[in-house]
C-alpha atoms as a PDB file:
ATOM      1  CA  MET A   1      34.075  44.336  32.222  1.00  0.00           C
ATOM      2  CA  ASP A   2      33.183  46.251  29.023  1.00  0.00           C
ATOM      3  CA  LEU A   3      36.089  44.627  27.202  1.00  0.00           C
ATOM      4  CA  THR A   4      35.001  41.197  28.423  1.00  0.00           C
ATOM      5  CA  HIS A   5      31.457  41.768  27.168  1.00  0.00           C
ATOM      6  CA  LYS A   6      32.842  42.808  23.765  1.00  0.00           C
ATOM      7  CA  ILE A   7      34.992  39.670  23.603  1.00  0.00           C
ATOM      8  CA  LEU A   8      32.062  37.427  24.618  1.00  0.00           C
ATOM      9  CA  SER A   9      29.894  39.071  21.975  1.00  0.00           C
ATOM     10  CA  ASP A  10      32.559  38.404  19.315  1.00  0.00           C
ATOM     11  CA  TYR A  11      32.864  34.806  20.479  1.00  0.00           C
ATOM     12  CA  SER A  12      29.097  34.339  20.293  1.00  0.00           C
ATOM     13  CA  TYR A  13      29.180  35.623  16.716  1.00  0.00           C
ATOM     14  CA  TYR A  14      32.003  33.188  15.924  1.00  0.00           C
ATOM     15  CA  LEU A  15      29.969  30.243  17.264  1.00  0.00           C
ATOM     16  CA  ARG A  16      26.848  31.230  15.331  1.00  0.00           C
ATOM     17  CA  ILE A  17      28.394  32.203  12.006  1.00  0.00           C
ATOM     18  CA  GLU A  18      31.688  30.358  11.626  1.00  0.00           C
ATOM     19  CA  ARG A  19      30.909  27.251  13.669  1.00  0.00           C
ATOM     20  CA  ALA A  20      27.193  27.182  12.699  1.00  0.00           C
ATOM     21  CA  MET A  21      26.197  26.098  16.204  1.00  0.00           C
ATOM     22  CA  SER A  22      22.543  25.967  17.188  1.00  0.00           C
ATOM     23  CA  PRO A  23      21.075  28.967  19.070  1.00  0.00           C
ATOM     24  CA  ASN A  24      20.564  26.767  22.149  1.00  0.00           C
ATOM     25  CA  THR A  25      24.234  25.741  22.229  1.00  0.00           C
ATOM     26  CA  VAL A  26      25.394  29.319  21.720  1.00  0.00           C
ATOM     27  CA  ASP A  27      23.129  30.504  24.557  1.00  0.00           C
ATOM     28  CA  ALA A  28      24.387  27.748  26.879  1.00  0.00           C
ATOM     29  CA  TYR A  29      28.071  28.531  26.167  1.00  0.00           C
ATOM     30  CA  SER A  30      27.473  32.277  26.559  1.00  0.00           C
ATOM     31  CA  SER A  31      25.660  31.784  29.862  1.00  0.00           C
ATOM     32  CA  ASP A  32      28.459  29.598  31.255  1.00  0.00           C
ATOM     33  CA  LEU A  33      31.105  32.129  30.247  1.00  0.00           C
ATOM     34  CA  GLU A  34      29.198  35.106  31.654  1.00  0.00           C
ATOM     35  CA  SER A  35      28.907  33.260  34.974  1.00  0.00           C
ATOM     36  CA  LEU A  36      32.640  32.520  34.951  1.00  0.00           C
ATOM     37  CA  PHE A  37      33.716  36.118  34.328  1.00  0.00           C
ATOM     38  CA  THR A  38      31.148  37.574  36.717  1.00  0.00           C
ATOM     39  CA  TYR A  39      32.643  35.356  39.429  1.00  0.00           C
ATOM     40  CA  LEU A  40      36.302  35.997  38.529  1.00  0.00           C
ATOM     41  CA  GLY A  41      36.050  39.712  37.755  1.00  0.00           C
ATOM     42  CA  VAL A  42      39.119  39.627  35.492  1.00  0.00           C
ATOM     43  CA  GLU A  43      39.635  39.965  31.753  1.00  0.00           C
ATOM     44  CA  PRO A  44      39.877  36.762  29.654  1.00  0.00           C
ATOM     45  CA  SER A  45      43.549  37.314  28.895  1.00  0.00           C
ATOM     46  CA  LEU A  46      44.383  37.176  32.626  1.00  0.00           C
ATOM     47  CA  VAL A  47      42.497  34.009  33.605  1.00  0.00           C
ATOM     48  CA  THR A  48      44.686  31.264  35.084  1.00  0.00           C
ATOM     49  CA  THR A  49      44.169  27.531  35.516  1.00  0.00           C
ATOM     50  CA  GLN A  50      43.668  28.068  39.250  1.00  0.00           C
ATOM     51  CA  ASP A  51      40.948  30.651  38.520  1.00  0.00           C
ATOM     52  CA  VAL A  52      38.993  28.097  36.504  1.00  0.00           C
ATOM     53  CA  LEU A  53      39.530  25.441  39.188  1.00  0.00           C
ATOM     54  CA  ASP A  54      38.270  27.840  41.869  1.00  0.00           C
ATOM     55  CA  TYR A  55      35.129  28.519  39.860  1.00  0.00           C
ATOM     56  CA  LEU A  56      34.504  24.817  39.241  1.00  0.00           C
ATOM     57  CA  ALA A  57      34.921  24.172  42.966  1.00  0.00           C
ATOM     58  CA  VAL A  58      32.148  26.668  43.689  1.00  0.00           C
ATOM     59  CA  SER A  59      30.040  24.846  41.076  1.00  0.00           C
ATOM     60  CA  GLU A  60      30.428  21.457  42.769  1.00  0.00           C
ATOM     61  CA  ARG A  61      26.712  21.429  43.565  1.00  0.00           C
ATOM     62  CA  LEU A  62      26.117  20.995  39.820  1.00  0.00           C
ATOM     63  CA  SER A  63      26.005  17.524  38.305  1.00  0.00           C
ATOM     64  CA  LYS A  64      29.161  16.106  36.744  1.00  0.00           C
ATOM     65  CA  ARG A  65      27.439  16.415  33.366  1.00  0.00           C
ATOM     66  CA  SER A  66      26.823  20.145  33.900  1.00  0.00           C
ATOM     67  CA  GLN A  67      30.407  20.686  35.080  1.00  0.00           C
ATOM     68  CA  SER A  68      31.667  18.824  32.037  1.00  0.00           C
ATOM     69  CA  ARG A  69      29.564  21.049  29.764  1.00  0.00           C
ATOM     70  CA  GLN A  70      30.921  24.166  31.484  1.00  0.00           C
ATOM     71  CA  LEU A  71      34.503  23.028  31.052  1.00  0.00           C
ATOM     72  CA  SER A  72      33.822  22.267  27.399  1.00  0.00           C
ATOM     73  CA  ALA A  73      32.521  25.828  26.933  1.00  0.00           C
ATOM     74  CA  PHE A  74      35.582  27.289  28.683  1.00  0.00           C
ATOM     75  CA  ARG A  75      38.018  25.171  26.625  1.00  0.00           C
ATOM     76  CA  SER A  76      36.343  26.206  23.389  1.00  0.00           C
ATOM     77  CA  PHE A  77      36.426  29.889  24.355  1.00  0.00           C
ATOM     78  CA  PHE A  78      40.107  29.939  25.320  1.00  0.00           C
ATOM     79  CA  ASP A  79      41.027  27.929  22.210  1.00  0.00           C
ATOM     80  CA  TRP A  80      39.343  30.687  20.224  1.00  0.00           C
ATOM     81  CA  LEU A  81      41.336  33.347  22.097  1.00  0.00           C
ATOM     82  CA  VAL A  82      44.545  31.504  21.186  1.00  0.00           C
ATOM     83  CA  LEU A  83      43.364  31.314  17.584  1.00  0.00           C
ATOM     84  CA  GLU A  84      42.700  35.070  17.630  1.00  0.00           C
ATOM     85  CA  GLY A  85      46.136  35.753  19.081  1.00  0.00           C
ATOM     86  CA  ASP A  86      44.792  37.163  22.360  1.00  0.00           C
ATOM     87  CA  ARG A  87      46.398  34.385  24.417  1.00  0.00           C
ATOM     88  CA  THR A  88      49.290  31.984  23.959  1.00  0.00           C
ATOM     89  CA  ASP A  89      47.847  29.235  26.150  1.00  0.00           C
ATOM     90  CA  ASN A  90      44.565  27.626  27.193  1.00  0.00           C
ATOM     91  CA  PRO A  91      44.235  27.588  31.012  1.00  0.00           C
ATOM     92  CA  CYS A  92      41.830  24.631  30.754  1.00  0.00           C
ATOM     93  CA  ASP A  93      44.343  22.267  29.126  1.00  0.00           C
ATOM     94  CA  ALA A  94      45.620  21.098  32.510  1.00  0.00           C
ATOM     95  CA  ILE A  95      42.133  20.414  33.905  1.00  0.00           C
ATOM     96  CA  ASP A  96      40.665  16.913  33.671  1.00  0.00           C
ATOM     97  CA  THR A  97      37.074  16.585  32.526  1.00  0.00           C
ATOM     98  CA  PRO A  98      34.814  15.191  35.288  1.00  0.00           C
ATOM     99  CA  LYS A  99      34.164  11.475  34.814  1.00  0.00           C
ATOM    100  CA  ILE A 100      30.514  10.926  33.979  1.00  0.00           C
ATOM    101  CA  GLY A 101      28.534   7.836  33.215  1.00  0.00           C
ATOM    102  CA  ARG A 102      27.045   7.368  29.801  1.00  0.00           C
ATOM    103  CA  TYR A 103      23.767   9.231  29.540  1.00  0.00           C
ATOM    104  CA  LEU A 104      20.814   6.885  29.139  1.00  0.00           C
ATOM    105  CA  PRO A 105      17.720   8.744  27.975  1.00  0.00           C
ATOM    106  CA  GLU A 106      14.271   8.123  29.407  1.00  0.00           C
ATOM    107  CA  VAL A 107      12.311   5.853  27.082  1.00  0.00           C
ATOM    108  CA  LEU A 108       8.598   5.112  26.887  1.00  0.00           C
ATOM    109  CA  SER A 109       7.254   1.615  26.359  1.00  0.00           C
ATOM    110  CA  VAL A 110       5.052   0.990  23.328  1.00  0.00           C
ATOM    111  CA  GLY A 111       2.097   0.798  25.718  1.00  0.00           C
ATOM    112  CA  GLU A 112       2.945   4.158  27.294  1.00  0.00           C
ATOM    113  CA  VAL A 113       3.228   5.793  23.875  1.00  0.00           C
ATOM    114  CA  GLY A 114      -0.201   4.424  22.990  1.00  0.00           C
ATOM    115  CA  ALA A 115      -1.696   5.606  26.273  1.00  0.00           C
ATOM    116  CA  ILE A 116      -0.406   9.149  25.726  1.00  0.00           C
ATOM    117  CA  MET A 117      -1.766   9.192  22.170  1.00  0.00           C
ATOM    118  CA  ASP A 118      -5.167   7.957  23.347  1.00  0.00           C
ATOM    119  CA  SER A 119      -5.329  10.545  26.143  1.00  0.00           C
ATOM    120  CA  VAL A 120      -5.683  13.428  23.681  1.00  0.00           C
ATOM    121  CA  ASP A 121      -9.149  14.994  23.477  1.00  0.00           C
ATOM    122  CA  LEU A 122     -10.000  14.863  19.765  1.00  0.00           C
ATOM    123  CA  SER A 123     -13.264  16.792  20.189  1.00  0.00           C
ATOM    124  CA  LYS A 124     -11.256  20.049  19.939  1.00  0.00           C
ATOM    125  CA  TRP A 125      -9.155  21.161  16.980  1.00  0.00           C
ATOM    126  CA  THR A 126      -6.213  21.728  19.310  1.00  0.00           C
ATOM    127  CA  GLY A 127      -6.496  18.079  20.354  1.00  0.00           C
ATOM    128  CA  VAL A 128      -6.457  16.977  16.722  1.00  0.00           C
ATOM    129  CA  ARG A 129      -3.322  19.082  16.281  1.00  0.00           C
ATOM    130  CA  ASP A 130      -1.681  17.699  19.410  1.00  0.00           C
ATOM    131  CA  ARG A 131      -2.364  14.116  18.329  1.00  0.00           C
ATOM    132  CA  ALA A 132      -0.767  14.874  14.945  1.00  0.00           C
ATOM    133  CA  ILE A 133       2.286  16.375  16.675  1.00  0.00           C
ATOM    134  CA  LEU A 134       2.711  13.344  18.929  1.00  0.00           C
ATOM    135  CA  GLU A 135       2.332  10.948  16.002  1.00  0.00           C
ATOM    136  CA  VAL A 136       4.959  12.866  14.018  1.00  0.00           C
ATOM    137  CA  LEU A 137       7.361  13.123  16.972  1.00  0.00           C
ATOM    138  CA  TYR A 138       7.177   9.393  17.567  1.00  0.00           C
ATOM    139  CA  GLY A 139       6.608   8.249  13.985  1.00  0.00           C
ATOM    140  CA  CYS A 140       9.470  10.256  12.477  1.00  0.00           C
ATOM    141  CA  GLY A 141      11.820  10.744  15.439  1.00  0.00           C
ATOM    142  CA  LEU A 142      11.948  14.516  15.046  1.00  0.00           C
ATOM    143  CA  ARG A 143      13.753  16.933  17.317  1.00  0.00           C
ATOM    144  CA  VAL A 144      11.591  19.592  18.994  1.00  0.00           C
ATOM    145  CA  SER A 145      12.943  22.345  16.733  1.00  0.00           C
ATOM    146  CA  GLU A 146      12.273  20.182  13.675  1.00  0.00           C
ATOM    147  CA  ALA A 147       8.668  19.592  14.734  1.00  0.00           C
ATOM    148  CA  VAL A 148       7.786  23.241  15.435  1.00  0.00           C
ATOM    149  CA  GLY A 149       9.525  24.309  12.223  1.00  0.00           C
ATOM    150  CA  LEU A 150       7.996  21.581  10.039  1.00  0.00           C
ATOM    151  CA  LYS A 151       6.651  22.907   6.739  1.00  0.00           C
ATOM    152  CA  ILE A 152       3.555  21.603   4.971  1.00  0.00           C
ATOM    153  CA  SER A 153       5.493  21.593   1.692  1.00  0.00           C
ATOM    154  CA  HIS A 154       8.031  19.209   3.259  1.00  0.00           C
ATOM    155  CA  VAL A 155       5.436  16.586   4.175  1.00  0.00           C
ATOM    156  CA  TYR A 156       4.610  14.172   1.349  1.00  0.00           C
ATOM    157  CA  LEU A 157       1.636  12.247   2.704  1.00  0.00           C
ATOM    158  CA  ASP A 158       0.816  10.343  -0.485  1.00  0.00           C
ATOM    159  CA  GLU A 159       4.430   9.283  -0.966  1.00  0.00           C
ATOM    160  CA  GLY A 160       4.928   8.526   2.741  1.00  0.00           C
ATOM    161  CA  PHE A 161       7.947  10.613   3.682  1.00  0.00           C
ATOM    162  CA  VAL A 162       8.962  13.875   5.350  1.00  0.00           C
ATOM    163  CA  ARG A 163      11.819  16.176   4.366  1.00  0.00           C
ATOM    164  CA  VAL A 164      13.402  17.325   7.618  1.00  0.00           C
ATOM    165  CA  VAL A 165      15.738  20.298   8.016  1.00  0.00           C
ATOM    166  CA  GLY A 166      17.899  19.487  11.030  1.00  0.00           C
ATOM    167  CA  LYS A 167      20.975  20.870  12.758  1.00  0.00           C
ATOM    168  CA  GLY A 168      23.222  22.993  10.579  1.00  0.00           C
ATOM    169  CA  ASN A 169      20.451  23.186   7.948  1.00  0.00           C
ATOM    170  CA  LYS A 170      21.212  19.616   6.939  1.00  0.00           C
ATOM    171  CA  GLU A 171      18.329  17.840   5.254  1.00  0.00           C
ATOM    172  CA  ARG A 172      17.286  14.225   5.585  1.00  0.00           C
ATOM    173  CA  ILE A 173      14.391  12.131   4.338  1.00  0.00           C
ATOM    174  CA  VAL A 174      12.353  10.253   6.952  1.00  0.00           C
ATOM    175  CA  PRO A 175       9.488   7.807   6.267  1.00  0.00           C
ATOM    176  CA  ILE A 176       6.142   8.658   7.851  1.00  0.00           C
ATOM    177  CA  GLY A 177       3.864   5.796   8.867  1.00  0.00           C
ATOM    178  CA  ASP A 178       0.163   5.322   8.227  1.00  0.00           C
ATOM    179  CA  MET A 179      -0.976   6.398  11.710  1.00  0.00           C
ATOM    180  CA  ALA A 180       1.004   9.642  11.505  1.00  0.00           C
ATOM    181  CA  VAL A 181      -0.267  10.269   7.960  1.00  0.00           C
ATOM    182  CA  LYS A 182      -3.854   9.782   9.101  1.00  0.00           C
ATOM    183  CA  ALA A 183      -3.374  12.128  12.089  1.00  0.00           C
ATOM    184  CA  VAL A 184      -1.779  14.849   9.941  1.00  0.00           C
ATOM    185  CA  ARG A 185      -4.564  14.639   7.335  1.00  0.00           C
ATOM    186  CA  LYS A 186      -7.182  15.114  10.062  1.00  0.00           C
ATOM    187  CA  TYR A 187      -5.282  18.083  11.466  1.00  0.00           C
ATOM    188  CA  LEU A 188      -4.953  19.785   8.070  1.00  0.00           C
ATOM    189  CA  GLU A 189      -8.755  19.673   7.791  1.00  0.00           C
ATOM    190  CA  VAL A 190      -9.116  21.781  10.951  1.00  0.00           C
ATOM    191  CA  ARG A 191      -5.855  23.785  10.834  1.00  0.00           C
ATOM    192  CA  PRO A 192      -6.607  27.471  11.581  1.00  0.00           C
ATOM    193  CA  ASP A 193      -5.918  30.228   9.099  1.00  0.00           C
ATOM    194  CA  PRO A 194      -2.373  31.588   9.472  1.00  0.00           C
ATOM    195  CA  GLN A 195      -2.140  34.989  11.142  1.00  0.00           C
ATOM    196  CA  ALA A 196       0.234  36.242   8.433  1.00  0.00           C
ATOM    197  CA  PRO A 197       1.379  35.076   4.968  1.00  0.00           C
ATOM    198  CA  GLN A 198       4.804  34.031   6.277  1.00  0.00           C
ATOM    199  CA  TYR A 199       3.109  31.305   8.325  1.00  0.00           C
ATOM    200  CA  ASP A 200       1.210  29.784   5.368  1.00  0.00           C
ATOM    201  CA  ASP A 201       3.639  26.879   5.076  1.00  0.00           C
ATOM    202  CA  ILE A 202       4.137  26.218   8.811  1.00  0.00           C
ATOM    203  CA  MET A 203       2.464  22.946   9.739  1.00  0.00           C
ATOM    204  CA  PHE A 204       1.637  23.372  13.434  1.00  0.00           C
ATOM    205  CA  LEU A 205      -0.030  26.642  14.474  1.00  0.00           C
ATOM    206  CA  ASN A 206      -1.339  27.904  17.802  1.00  0.00           C
ATOM    207  CA  ARG A 207      -4.816  29.339  18.346  1.00  0.00           C
ATOM    208  CA  PHE A 208      -3.603  32.735  17.161  1.00  0.00           C
ATOM    209  CA  GLY A 209      -2.499  31.354  13.802  1.00  0.00           C
ATOM    210  CA  LYS A 210       1.196  31.656  14.656  1.00  0.00           C
ATOM    211  CA  PRO A 211       3.857  28.911  14.793  1.00  0.00           C
ATOM    212  CA  LEU A 212       3.685  26.757  17.898  1.00  0.00           C
ATOM    213  CA  SER A 213       6.541  27.458  20.317  1.00  0.00           C
ATOM    214  CA  ARG A 214       8.931  24.946  21.854  1.00  0.00           C
ATOM    215  CA  VAL A 215       7.571  25.792  25.312  1.00  0.00           C
ATOM    216  CA  SER A 216       3.975  25.126  24.225  1.00  0.00           C
ATOM    217  CA  LEU A 217       5.032  21.787  22.753  1.00  0.00           C
ATOM    218  CA  PHE A 218       6.868  20.853  25.946  1.00  0.00           C
ATOM    219  CA  ASN A 219       3.875  21.768  28.105  1.00  0.00           C
ATOM    220  CA  MET A 220       1.502  19.802  25.880  1.00  0.00           C
ATOM    221  CA  VAL A 221       3.621  16.650  26.154  1.00  0.00           C
ATOM    222  CA  LYS A 222       3.814  16.954  29.949  1.00  0.00           C
ATOM    223  CA  LYS A 223       0.049  17.499  30.149  1.00  0.00           C
ATOM    224  CA  GLN A 224      -0.758  14.450  28.007  1.00  0.00           C
ATOM    225  CA  ALA A 225       1.672  12.248  29.929  1.00  0.00           C
ATOM    226  CA  MET A 226      -0.046  13.238  33.147  1.00  0.00           C
ATOM    227  CA  ALA A 227      -3.475  12.605  31.605  1.00  0.00           C
ATOM    228  CA  ALA A 228      -2.303   9.146  30.518  1.00  0.00           C
ATOM    229  CA  GLY A 229      -0.957   8.307  33.970  1.00  0.00           C
ATOM    230  CA  VAL A 230       2.648   8.099  32.739  1.00  0.00           C
ATOM    231  CA  ASN A 231       4.802   9.223  35.671  1.00  0.00           C
ATOM    232  CA  LYS A 232       8.189   9.319  33.932  1.00  0.00           C
ATOM    233  CA  GLU A 233      10.108  12.575  33.497  1.00  0.00           C
ATOM    234  CA  ILE A 234       9.490  13.117  29.810  1.00  0.00           C
ATOM    235  CA  SER A 235       9.738  15.842  27.195  1.00  0.00           C
ATOM    236  CA  PRO A 236       9.063  16.003  23.446  1.00  0.00           C
ATOM    237  CA  HIS A 237      12.548  14.546  22.951  1.00  0.00           C
ATOM    238  CA  THR A 238      11.455  11.397  24.807  1.00  0.00           C
ATOM    239  CA  PHE A 239       9.378  10.419  21.775  1.00  0.00           C
ATOM    240  CA  ARG A 240      12.517  10.671  19.622  1.00  0.00           C
ATOM    241  CA  HIS A 241      14.398   8.435  22.070  1.00  0.00           C
ATOM    242  CA  SER A 242      11.513   5.967  22.128  1.00  0.00           C
ATOM    243  CA  PHE A 243      11.272   5.978  18.323  1.00  0.00           C
ATOM    244  CA  ALA A 244      14.937   5.004  17.993  1.00  0.00           C
ATOM    245  CA  THR A 245      14.856   2.427  20.779  1.00  0.00           C
ATOM    246  CA  HIS A 246      11.754   0.679  19.460  1.00  0.00           C
ATOM    247  CA  LEU A 247      13.203   0.537  15.937  1.00  0.00           C
ATOM    248  CA  ILE A 248      16.369  -1.127  17.214  1.00  0.00           C
ATOM    249  CA  GLU A 249      14.375  -3.486  19.428  1.00  0.00           C
ATOM    250  CA  ASN A 250      12.507  -4.609  16.328  1.00  0.00           C
ATOM    251  CA  GLY A 251      15.695  -5.307  14.386  1.00  0.00           C
ATOM    252  CA  ALA A 252      16.279  -2.097  12.423  1.00  0.00           C
ATOM    253  CA  ASP A 253      19.830  -1.605  11.162  1.00  0.00           C
ATOM    254  CA  LEU A 254      21.816   0.834  13.305  1.00  0.00           C
ATOM    255  CA  ARG A 255      23.034   2.770  10.240  1.00  0.00           C
ATOM    256  CA  VAL A 256      19.470   3.230   9.031  1.00  0.00           C
ATOM    257  CA  VAL A 257      18.409   4.566  12.440  1.00  0.00           C
ATOM    258  CA  GLN A 258      21.435   6.896  12.393  1.00  0.00           C
ATOM    259  CA  GLU A 259      20.307   8.336   9.052  1.00  0.00           C
ATOM    260  CA  MET A 260      16.720   8.761  10.221  1.00  0.00           C
ATOM    261  CA  LEU A 261      17.777  10.587  13.385  1.00  0.00           C
ATOM    262  CA  GLY A 262      20.293  12.772  11.557  1.00  0.00           C
ATOM    263  CA  HIS A 263      23.191  11.812  13.847  1.00  0.00           C
ATOM    264  CA  GLU A 264      26.669  12.816  12.667  1.00  0.00           C
ATOM    265  CA  SER A 265      28.268   9.842  14.413  1.00  0.00           C
ATOM    266  CA  ILE A 266      26.954   6.318  14.817  1.00  0.00           C
ATOM    267  CA  LEU A 267      28.369   6.411  18.359  1.00  0.00           C
ATOM    268  CA  THR A 268      25.506   8.746  19.257  1.00  0.00           C
ATOM    269  CA  THR A 269      22.993   6.273  17.849  1.00  0.00           C
ATOM    270  CA  GLU A 270      24.572   3.314  19.641  1.00  0.00           C
ATOM    271  CA  ILE A 271      23.299   4.593  22.978  1.00  0.00           C
ATOM    272  CA  TYR A 272      19.871   3.233  22.071  1.00  0.00           C
ATOM    273  CA  THR A 273      21.173  -0.335  21.964  1.00  0.00           C
ATOM    274  CA  HIS A 274      21.316  -0.445  25.775  1.00  0.00           C
ATOM    275  CA  ILE A 275      17.566  -0.956  25.987  1.00  0.00           C
ATOM    276  CA  ASP A 276      17.402  -4.373  24.395  1.00  0.00           C
ATOM    277  CA  SER A 277      20.845  -5.914  24.628  1.00  0.00           C
ATOM    278  CA  SER A 278      19.274  -9.344  24.998  1.00  0.00           C
ATOM    279  CA  THR A 279      17.879  -9.086  21.454  1.00  0.00           C
ATOM    280  CA  TRP A 280      21.319  -8.290  20.061  1.00  0.00           C
ATOM    281  CA  GLN A 281      22.861 -11.088  22.113  1.00  0.00           C
ATOM    282  CA  ARG A 282      20.361 -13.622  20.769  1.00  0.00           C
ATOM    283  CA  SER A 283      20.914 -12.393  17.221  1.00  0.00           C
ATOM    284  CA  ILE A 284      24.680 -12.816  17.487  1.00  0.00           C
ATOM    285  CA  LEU A 285      24.449 -16.263  19.075  1.00  0.00           C
ATOM    286  CA  GLU A 286      21.909 -17.473  16.508  1.00  0.00           C
ATOM    287  CA  HIS A 287      24.199 -16.521  13.637  1.00  0.00           C
ATOM    288  CA  HIS A 288      27.567 -17.459  15.156  1.00  0.00           C
ATOM    289  CA  PRO A 289      29.200 -20.378  13.286  1.00  0.00           C
ATOM    290  CA  ARG A 290      30.411 -21.999  16.510  1.00  0.00           C
ATOM    291  CA  ASN A 291      27.025 -21.974  18.230  1.00  0.00           C
END
């Protein structure tokens, strides 16, 4: 399997450098491929369509979404092998992708968002920080990685906007509302001294003066949801979903929401229209010339 490990390492490099995929995506693809080749015990050049089908059959306990992601990873890998000249065919071409329903993200109501915000203990500096994080997550629709990596120099409180560095190092400008501005100002008054000079510009720090981790942010959100009595399965990303949904519910243009979220395709943004289809229906009927 030494040759297989070398090939997987080269493929991982290709995804990171040439395809500029996020570390999370690269890790997920690598994990799926390692599982495949551990199960098959053959080199990539020898894998057949039946081999992949056998592996997927063993993985039937996984959700259709997880199986679909696996197959996507396998297709991408074997396409790369063809591109490199190590194979003449892709064994996944003859395999149909599992049919899955459209993913509908968990969304908080405006009341639930407020309850979670109000549940934070502001008597501690960490609570002041957590409230600022929640306000920014919901007020700007940031991804988790964008929140933990947010720089002070990218937040223009007086002007009312945030410069966000998203996937693929693409930048976008997002407005920041009054409540989020107020929360961030309060946090900056109690922000601890950075543990090292390289953290001077990092907005959200832990009690050791180092950047807050994704895991810490996830745990904080779960803790505050529990404290607020919100029983939904939520994560930091839920605030991003709620941000987009509430904007659309209140009549925001879909293209504007797309820009604010940093979505490549408007099809990704359209998923948020499922929440309040009645609003869109009323809007269309009110403006239709034959109504």
